[in-house]
Amino acid sequence: MSDLEAFRQETRSWLEANCPPEMRQPVRDEEDVYWGGRKASFKSDAQKAWFEACVAKGYTVPAWPKEYGGAGLSAPQAKVLREEMSRINARPPLSSFGIWMLGPALLHFGTEGQKQRFLNEIARGEIRWCQGYSEPGSGSDLVSLQTFGEDKGDHWVVNGQKIWTSYADHADWIFCLVRTDKENKYQGITFMLYDMASEGVSTKPILLISGNSPFCETFFDDVNVPKSYGEDCPAYVGQVNRGWDVAKYLLGHEREMISGAGGGDRTAAIGAAMLRTTGELDPILRAELAMFDVDALAYTAMGEKFLDEIKVGKAHPAQPNMMKYAGTELNKRRHELMMSAGGSRALEWESEETGGGKPSRNWLRTKANSIEGGTSEVMLNVISKRILDLPGA
C-alpha cells in the first residue's frame, strides 16, 4: 500500500470516528455554519464536537504548517482529505475569511510574529475577520479608494467608509485597505489589521433583495490604529504604502473562494425537486440539466488542472480570474435551473416547506456572485488581456 493510500485509509477511519451524523447533513440555515470568533456560539453538541475534533487534528486548516495551527499536510494529502470529507458530505468545521483570504496573505507576506499570533487564532476559531476593500465610489476601480490614515507617529488616525463588508457586524477584526499617501495612487495604500471594537468603528447592515443582510456599510471616525501589536507584529501586512501588493494577492484567493460555488452539487437534487413538483422530468429541462452537468464537470477538471500547475510552478497569475468568472456564472445557472425545476412553488417566500423561501432567496443571492470580488466584465477583461493577449480598446 502506498503512503498516500495508507493516509486515505487512516483519514477515512478518523472521519468515521469523529464526524457526527448530524454534521453530514446538508446545511439548512445560517446557524448550521460555524464562523468562530468572540461572539460565536455552537448550535448543537454535534457542531461543537466536530469543530473541536478538527481543531485538535489541525483540520480546520489542514495544509497550514503545524506551528500555525494546521496539520502540515502535503498538497496530495490535503486533496485526499477533501475527497474523503466530500464522500461522507461532511460540513466544513469552520468557515472563515481568515482561512480563505487573510491566512494565505499572512503566510506569504506576514512576519513571524504575525503568523504566530493571527494564524493560530484563525485556525482555532478564536477570531473572526471581515474585509475592508470596496467603498461607495471604489468598487472595480479599487485603487481609487479614499479611506485615509493620518500618520501620528506611533499610530494612524483612520477616517472613511467601506461598503459591502460581509458580516462586518459579526466580525472581531478587519483587514482593511487604507490610503496613507495621497500623492501616489498605487503605492500609497497600506494593508492594515485592526479591532472592530475600536472606538470610532460602526456598522450598518444592508438589506438585500433576497431579504437577508450579510453585507454592511462600515464607518471609521477618528479610529486610532496602532502601528504595532508587539514584537515583530506590526499592524500592517507587507510594507507601508505597498498594501496593493498584498491586496492583489489576496484578491486571487477571494476569487477562488467565490468561484468554489461553481463546483458544488450538480443536478441530482434539481431533478428530484422537479419530480416532487411535477411527477415527471420535462425533456427540455432535462437536456439543460445534462448540459449543466457537463459544464460543471469541465469546471472541476479545470480546477484540478490549475492546482497541478500551481504545484509545479507553472500557474498563470490570471487563472483565479478564470475560475471566478466560470464558477460564478455556473452557480447562477444552477440556481436558475432550481427555480425552473421548482415551478411556482420555488417562488414561495416564507413557508416551512421551502425553508423560509430558501430556493428563491438563494437564487436572488447568486446575482451578486458576478459582482462581488470583481465583476464578470472585469474578469473577462483581465482574461482577454493577460491570457489571450488581445489588444485593448
Protein backbone atom coordinates (compact mmCIF):
# COMPACT_ATOMS: atom_id res chain seq x y z
CA MET A 1 0.00 0.00 0.00
CA SER A 2 1.35 3.43 -0.96
CA ASP A 3 1.86 6.11 1.66
CA LEU A 4 -0.99 8.13 0.13
CA GLU A 5 -3.35 5.18 0.14
CA ALA A 6 -2.45 4.47 3.76
CA PHE A 7 -3.22 8.09 4.56
CA ARG A 8 -6.58 7.73 2.83
CA GLN A 9 -7.47 4.71 4.95
CA GLU A 10 -6.35 6.49 8.11
CA THR A 11 -8.36 9.59 7.17
CA ARG A 12 -11.45 7.54 6.39
CA SER A 13 -11.27 5.84 9.77
CA TRP A 14 -10.73 9.13 11.58
CA LEU A 15 -13.71 10.74 9.86
CA GLU A 16 -15.97 7.81 10.66
CA ALA A 17 -14.97 8.08 14.31
CA ASN A 18 -15.11 11.88 14.66
CA CYS A 19 -17.67 13.34 12.24
CA PRO A 20 -21.14 13.12 13.86
CA PRO A 21 -24.04 12.06 11.62
CA GLU A 22 -25.63 15.50 12.06
CA MET A 23 -22.52 17.10 10.54
CA ARG A 24 -23.02 15.01 7.38
CA GLN A 25 -26.40 16.56 6.63
CA PRO A 26 -26.86 19.48 4.19
CA VAL A 27 -26.63 22.96 5.65
CA ARG A 28 -30.18 24.18 6.30
CA ASP A 29 -29.71 27.71 7.59
CA GLU A 30 -27.11 30.27 8.67
CA GLU A 31 -26.79 28.76 12.14
CA ASP A 32 -25.62 25.47 10.61
CA VAL A 33 -22.41 27.28 9.59
CA TYR A 34 -19.86 27.86 12.37
CA TRP A 35 -17.77 31.02 11.90
CA GLY A 36 -15.97 31.19 15.25
CA GLY A 37 -14.90 34.45 16.89
CA ARG A 38 -15.53 36.26 20.15
CA LYS A 39 -19.31 36.29 19.70
CA ALA A 40 -19.68 32.72 18.45
CA SER A 41 -21.85 30.01 19.94
CA PHE A 42 -22.47 26.44 18.85
CA LYS A 43 -25.87 25.44 17.53
CA SER A 44 -25.55 21.87 18.79
CA ASP A 45 -23.29 19.48 20.66
CA ALA A 46 -22.53 17.77 17.35
CA GLN A 47 -21.32 21.02 15.78
CA LYS A 48 -19.08 21.65 18.81
CA ALA A 49 -17.69 18.11 18.84
CA TRP A 50 -16.88 18.20 15.10
CA PHE A 51 -15.18 21.58 15.39
CA GLU A 52 -13.10 20.61 18.43
CA ALA A 53 -12.01 17.33 16.84
CA CYS A 54 -10.82 19.16 13.71
CA VAL A 55 -9.00 21.83 15.73
CA ALA A 56 -7.13 19.14 17.68
CA LYS A 57 -6.18 17.40 14.43
CA GLY A 58 -5.28 20.62 12.58
CA TYR A 59 -8.06 20.00 10.07
CA THR A 60 -9.62 23.47 10.14
CA VAL A 61 -6.57 24.48 8.05
CA PRO A 62 -5.04 21.13 7.06
CA ALA A 63 -2.44 22.46 4.62
CA TRP A 64 -1.07 25.11 7.00
CA PRO A 65 2.13 24.31 8.94
CA LYS A 66 1.63 22.73 12.36
CA GLU A 67 3.25 25.67 14.14
CA TYR A 68 0.42 27.87 12.87
CA GLY A 69 -2.44 25.57 13.86
CA GLY A 70 -2.59 23.38 10.77
CA ALA A 71 -1.92 19.70 10.13
CA GLY A 72 1.06 20.25 7.84
CA LEU A 73 -0.45 18.10 5.10
CA SER A 74 1.15 17.95 1.69
CA ALA A 75 -0.95 19.03 -1.31
CA PRO A 76 -1.78 15.39 -2.24
CA GLN A 77 -2.75 14.62 1.36
CA ALA A 78 -4.93 17.73 1.57
CA LYS A 79 -6.66 16.63 -1.64
CA VAL A 80 -7.33 13.19 -0.15
CA LEU A 81 -8.84 14.81 2.95
CA ARG A 82 -11.12 16.96 0.78
CA GLU A 83 -12.21 13.91 -1.19
CA GLU A 84 -12.94 11.86 1.91
CA MET A 85 -14.89 14.68 3.56
CA SER A 86 -16.87 15.12 0.35
CA ARG A 87 -17.53 11.37 0.21
CA ILE A 88 -19.45 11.49 3.51
CA ASN A 89 -20.83 15.02 2.87
CA ALA A 90 -19.01 16.34 5.94
CA ARG A 91 -19.61 20.02 6.62
CA PRO A 92 -16.58 22.30 6.96
CA PRO A 93 -15.83 22.53 10.70
CA LEU A 94 -15.11 26.26 10.44
CA SER A 95 -15.98 28.94 7.88
CA SER A 96 -13.68 31.92 7.96
CA PHE A 97 -12.46 34.80 5.82
CA GLY A 98 -9.31 34.38 7.88
CA ILE A 99 -8.86 30.90 6.39
CA TRP A 100 -9.89 31.73 2.84
CA MET A 101 -8.29 35.15 2.38
CA LEU A 102 -6.19 36.70 5.16
CA GLY A 103 -4.42 33.48 6.11
CA PRO A 104 -2.83 32.89 2.69
CA ALA A 105 -1.74 36.55 2.60
CA LEU A 106 -0.11 36.28 6.03
CA LEU A 107 1.63 33.04 5.07
CA HIS A 108 3.09 34.84 2.06
CA PHE A 109 3.73 38.37 3.36
CA GLY A 110 3.43 38.22 7.15
CA THR A 111 6.17 38.48 9.77
CA GLU A 112 6.81 35.53 12.06
CA GLY A 113 5.17 37.43 14.91
CA GLN A 114 2.03 38.00 12.84
CA LYS A 115 1.91 34.36 11.79
CA GLN A 116 2.29 33.06 15.33
CA ARG A 117 -0.43 35.31 16.67
CA PHE A 118 -3.05 35.62 13.98
CA LEU A 119 -2.78 32.31 12.13
CA ASN A 120 -3.15 30.28 15.30
CA GLU A 121 -6.15 32.36 16.38
CA ILE A 122 -7.72 31.83 12.95
CA ALA A 123 -7.09 28.08 13.00
CA ARG A 124 -8.65 27.74 16.45
CA GLY A 125 -11.68 29.83 15.50
CA GLU A 126 -10.88 32.43 18.14
CA ILE A 127 -11.05 35.43 15.80
CA ARG A 128 -13.50 36.32 13.03
CA TRP A 129 -12.35 38.66 10.26
CA CYS A 130 -14.07 40.86 7.73
CA GLN A 131 -12.64 42.52 4.62
CA GLY A 132 -12.47 46.29 4.19
CA TYR A 133 -11.93 46.79 0.46
CA SER A 134 -14.82 48.31 -1.53
CA GLU A 135 -16.02 51.86 -0.96
CA PRO A 136 -19.10 53.70 -2.28
CA GLY A 137 -17.01 55.22 -5.09
CA SER A 138 -14.35 52.49 -5.35
CA GLY A 139 -15.52 49.07 -6.43
CA SER A 140 -13.95 47.69 -9.57
CA ASP A 141 -11.59 50.71 -9.55
CA LEU A 142 -10.38 49.77 -6.08
CA VAL A 143 -7.18 51.83 -6.17
CA SER A 144 -9.30 54.99 -6.14
CA LEU A 145 -10.24 54.31 -2.50
CA GLN A 146 -10.36 57.34 -0.19
CA THR A 147 -10.35 55.92 3.36
CA PHE A 148 -7.33 57.72 4.82
CA GLY A 149 -4.94 57.01 7.66
CA GLU A 150 -3.20 60.10 9.01
CA ASP A 151 0.25 59.30 10.40
CA LYS A 152 0.54 60.31 14.05
CA GLY A 153 3.93 58.76 14.77
CA ASP A 154 3.17 55.57 16.71
CA HIS A 155 -0.35 55.22 15.26
CA TRP A 156 -2.67 56.23 12.43
CA VAL A 157 -5.99 58.01 12.72
CA VAL A 158 -8.29 56.42 10.15
CA ASN A 159 -11.35 58.08 8.65
CA GLY A 160 -13.55 56.84 5.83
CA GLN A 161 -16.18 54.33 4.79
CA LYS A 162 -16.29 50.83 3.36
CA ILE A 163 -19.28 49.13 1.76
CA TRP A 164 -20.39 45.55 1.04
CA THR A 165 -18.36 44.48 4.10
CA SER A 166 -19.58 40.90 4.54
CA TYR A 167 -20.61 40.14 8.14
CA ALA A 168 -18.89 43.25 9.49
CA ASP A 169 -21.50 43.38 12.25
CA HIS A 170 -20.32 39.94 13.46
CA ALA A 171 -16.57 40.36 12.92
CA ASP A 172 -13.90 40.82 15.60
CA TRP A 173 -11.18 42.32 13.39
CA ILE A 174 -10.89 43.77 9.89
CA PHE A 175 -8.16 43.59 7.25
CA CYS A 176 -8.52 46.94 5.61
CA LEU A 177 -7.07 48.90 2.71
CA VAL A 178 -6.26 52.42 3.88
CA ARG A 179 -4.68 55.21 1.87
CA THR A 180 -1.61 56.53 3.69
CA ASP A 181 -0.16 58.60 0.83
CA LYS A 182 -2.47 60.80 -1.22
CA GLU A 183 0.17 61.57 -3.82
CA ASN A 184 0.69 58.03 -5.14
CA LYS A 185 -2.38 56.15 -6.38
CA TYR A 186 -0.89 52.66 -6.42
CA GLN A 187 1.96 52.91 -3.92
CA GLY A 188 0.08 54.91 -1.31
CA ILE A 189 -2.14 52.19 0.18
CA THR A 190 -1.41 50.25 3.39
CA PHE A 191 -2.94 46.88 4.30
CA MET A 192 -3.94 47.35 7.96
CA LEU A 193 -5.24 44.99 10.64
CA TYR A 194 -7.31 46.34 13.49
CA ASP A 195 -10.00 45.53 16.03
CA MET A 196 -13.63 46.20 15.09
CA ALA A 197 -14.26 47.05 18.75
CA SER A 198 -12.01 50.11 18.38
CA GLU A 199 -13.66 53.42 19.25
CA GLY A 200 -14.98 55.09 16.11
CA VAL A 201 -15.82 51.88 14.18
CA SER A 202 -19.50 51.36 13.40
CA THR A 203 -21.51 49.18 11.03
CA LYS A 204 -24.92 49.29 9.38
CA PRO A 205 -26.40 46.17 7.70
CA ILE A 206 -27.53 46.48 4.08
CA LEU A 207 -30.85 44.76 3.31
CA LEU A 208 -30.55 42.78 0.06
CA ILE A 209 -33.22 41.83 -2.44
CA SER A 210 -33.12 38.29 -1.01
CA GLY A 211 -34.40 39.66 2.30
CA ASN A 212 -31.11 38.92 4.10
CA SER A 213 -28.39 41.30 5.28
CA PRO A 214 -24.95 39.64 5.09
CA PHE A 215 -23.37 42.90 3.87
CA CYS A 216 -22.74 46.09 5.83
CA GLU A 217 -21.70 49.66 5.48
CA THR A 218 -18.68 50.22 7.74
CA PHE A 219 -17.67 53.63 9.04
CA PHE A 220 -14.37 54.79 10.54
CA ASP A 221 -14.50 58.04 12.51
CA ASP A 222 -11.11 59.03 14.01
CA VAL A 223 -10.16 55.40 14.64
CA ASN A 224 -6.74 55.05 16.32
CA VAL A 225 -4.81 52.17 14.76
CA PRO A 226 -1.50 51.37 16.49
CA LYS A 227 1.44 50.62 14.23
CA SER A 228 2.41 47.54 16.24
CA TYR A 229 0.79 44.84 18.37
CA GLY A 230 4.04 43.69 19.93
CA GLU A 231 7.43 42.36 18.96
CA ASP A 232 7.63 41.53 15.25
CA CYS A 233 3.85 42.00 14.94
CA PRO A 234 3.12 45.20 13.01
CA ALA A 235 -0.46 46.33 12.45
CA TYR A 236 0.08 46.23 8.69
CA VAL A 237 0.96 43.41 6.32
CA GLY A 238 3.89 43.81 3.94
CA GLN A 239 5.19 47.36 3.77
CA VAL A 240 3.62 50.72 4.49
CA ASN A 241 2.31 52.23 1.22
CA ARG A 242 2.74 48.86 -0.54
CA GLY A 243 -0.55 47.32 0.53
CA TRP A 244 -1.69 46.98 -3.08
CA ASP A 245 0.80 44.12 -3.47
CA VAL A 246 -0.90 42.26 -0.62
CA ALA A 247 -4.39 43.23 -1.83
CA LYS A 248 -3.85 41.78 -5.31
CA TYR A 249 -2.51 38.54 -3.86
CA LEU A 250 -5.49 38.25 -1.52
CA LEU A 251 -7.96 39.01 -4.31
CA GLY A 252 -6.78 35.88 -6.10
CA HIS A 253 -7.75 33.79 -3.08
CA GLU A 254 -11.05 35.63 -2.67
CA ARG A 255 -11.93 34.91 -6.29
CA GLU A 256 -11.06 31.25 -5.82
CA MET A 257 -13.32 31.20 -2.75
CA ILE A 258 -16.26 32.78 -4.60
CA SER A 259 -15.70 30.54 -7.62
CA GLY A 260 -15.95 27.46 -5.40
CA ALA A 261 -19.73 27.60 -5.59
CA GLY A 262 -19.46 26.58 -9.23
CA GLY A 263 -18.03 23.20 -8.28
CA GLY A 264 -20.83 22.23 -5.88
CA ASP A 265 -23.57 19.66 -6.26
CA ARG A 266 -24.67 19.28 -9.83
CA THR A 267 -28.21 18.35 -10.81
CA ALA A 268 -29.42 15.29 -8.91
CA ALA A 269 -31.14 17.49 -6.34
CA ILE A 270 -32.67 19.63 -9.07
CA GLY A 271 -34.14 16.59 -10.80
CA ALA A 272 -35.51 15.31 -7.51
CA ALA A 273 -37.17 18.67 -6.87
CA MET A 274 -38.79 18.54 -10.29
CA LEU A 275 -40.11 15.02 -9.71
CA ARG A 276 -41.65 16.11 -6.39
CA THR A 277 -43.27 19.09 -8.08
CA THR A 278 -44.50 17.65 -11.38
CA GLY A 279 -44.05 13.88 -11.09
CA GLU A 280 -42.02 13.82 -14.30
CA LEU A 281 -38.85 15.22 -15.89
CA ASP A 282 -39.58 17.82 -18.54
CA PRO A 283 -37.47 16.78 -21.58
CA ILE A 284 -36.26 20.31 -22.35
CA LEU A 285 -35.24 20.97 -18.76
CA ARG A 286 -33.67 17.51 -18.58
CA ALA A 287 -31.46 18.44 -21.55
CA GLU A 288 -30.47 21.68 -19.83
CA LEU A 289 -29.58 19.72 -16.69
CA ALA A 290 -27.37 17.42 -18.73
CA MET A 291 -25.60 20.38 -20.36
CA PHE A 292 -25.06 21.92 -16.95
CA ASP A 293 -23.58 18.65 -15.64
CA VAL A 294 -21.07 18.57 -18.49
CA ASP A 295 -20.01 22.15 -17.85
CA ALA A 296 -19.77 21.57 -14.09
CA LEU A 297 -17.54 18.52 -14.64
CA ALA A 298 -15.37 20.52 -17.02
CA TYR A 299 -15.11 23.28 -14.41
CA THR A 300 -13.98 20.76 -11.78
CA ALA A 301 -11.39 19.37 -14.19
CA MET A 302 -10.12 22.89 -14.89
CA GLY A 303 -9.71 23.49 -11.17
CA GLU A 304 -7.72 20.27 -10.75
CA LYS A 305 -5.50 21.23 -13.69
CA PHE A 306 -4.79 24.65 -12.18
CA LEU A 307 -3.93 23.07 -8.81
CA ASP A 308 -1.46 20.74 -10.52
CA GLU A 309 0.11 23.71 -12.31
CA ILE A 310 0.47 25.57 -9.01
CA LYS A 311 2.36 22.61 -7.55
CA VAL A 312 4.97 22.68 -10.34
CA GLY A 313 5.23 26.46 -10.55
CA LYS A 314 3.50 26.81 -13.94
CA ALA A 315 0.31 28.60 -12.85
CA HIS A 316 -0.70 31.74 -14.69
CA PRO A 317 -1.47 34.67 -12.33
CA ALA A 318 -4.77 35.29 -14.11
CA GLN A 319 -6.11 31.77 -13.55
CA PRO A 320 -8.11 32.81 -10.44
CA ASN A 321 -9.94 35.24 -12.73
CA MET A 322 -10.90 32.34 -14.99
CA MET A 323 -12.10 30.30 -12.02
CA LYS A 324 -14.03 33.23 -10.61
CA TYR A 325 -15.81 34.01 -13.86
CA ALA A 326 -16.67 30.42 -14.76
CA GLY A 327 -17.60 29.43 -11.19
CA THR A 328 -19.94 32.32 -10.52
CA GLU A 329 -21.68 32.02 -13.87
CA LEU A 330 -22.14 28.28 -13.25
CA ASN A 331 -23.61 28.92 -9.82
CA LYS A 332 -26.09 31.39 -11.28
CA ARG A 333 -27.10 28.76 -13.88
CA ARG A 334 -27.51 26.13 -11.16
CA HIS A 335 -29.99 28.28 -9.24
CA GLU A 336 -31.84 29.27 -12.41
CA LEU A 337 -32.36 25.56 -13.07
CA MET A 338 -33.51 25.01 -9.49
CA MET A 339 -36.10 27.73 -9.93
CA SER A 340 -37.26 26.22 -13.22
CA ALA A 341 -37.50 22.77 -11.65
CA GLY A 342 -39.44 24.06 -8.65
CA GLY A 343 -42.10 25.76 -10.72
CA SER A 344 -44.42 28.16 -8.90
CA ARG A 345 -43.52 26.55 -5.56
CA ALA A 346 -39.97 27.84 -5.94
CA LEU A 347 -41.30 31.41 -5.83
CA GLU A 348 -42.72 30.88 -2.33
CA TRP A 349 -41.09 33.19 0.25
CA GLU A 350 -41.91 32.21 3.82
CA SER A 351 -43.29 28.71 4.41
CA GLU A 352 -41.64 25.98 6.45
CA GLU A 353 -41.90 23.64 3.45
CA THR A 354 -39.39 25.74 1.49
CA GLY A 355 -37.22 26.57 4.50
CA GLY A 356 -38.43 30.15 4.54
CA GLY A 357 -38.20 30.61 0.79
CA LYS A 358 -34.68 29.21 0.56
CA PRO A 359 -34.78 28.43 -3.21
CA SER A 360 -35.89 31.92 -4.22
CA ARG A 361 -33.69 33.71 -1.67
CA ASN A 362 -30.61 31.74 -2.75
CA TRP A 363 -31.44 32.39 -6.41
CA LEU A 364 -31.60 36.13 -5.78
CA ARG A 365 -28.37 35.99 -3.76
CA THR A 366 -26.45 34.45 -6.69
CA LYS A 367 -26.95 37.64 -8.69
CA ALA A 368 -24.26 39.20 -6.52
CA ASN A 369 -21.75 36.44 -7.35
CA SER A 370 -20.89 38.08 -10.65
CA ILE A 371 -20.33 41.44 -8.94
CA GLU A 372 -18.52 40.70 -5.66
CA GLY A 373 -14.79 40.02 -5.78
CA GLY A 374 -14.59 41.61 -9.23
CA THR A 375 -17.41 41.82 -11.77
CA SER A 376 -17.67 39.28 -14.57
CA GLU A 377 -16.94 42.06 -17.06
CA VAL A 378 -13.69 42.93 -15.26
CA MET A 379 -12.74 39.24 -15.09
CA LEU A 380 -13.26 38.91 -18.85
CA ASN A 381 -11.12 41.99 -19.46
CA VAL A 382 -8.28 40.51 -17.39
CA ILE A 383 -8.56 37.16 -19.18
CA SER A 384 -8.57 38.90 -22.58
CA LYS A 385 -5.50 40.99 -21.84
CA ARG A 386 -3.36 38.70 -19.70
CA ILE A 387 -4.16 35.24 -21.06
CA LEU A 388 -5.38 35.77 -24.63
CA ASP A 389 -3.08 38.81 -25.22
CA LEU A 390 -5.87 40.67 -27.00
CA PRO A 391 -5.30 44.37 -27.67
CA GLY A 392 -7.09 46.97 -25.58
CA ALA A 393 -9.77 49.25 -26.97
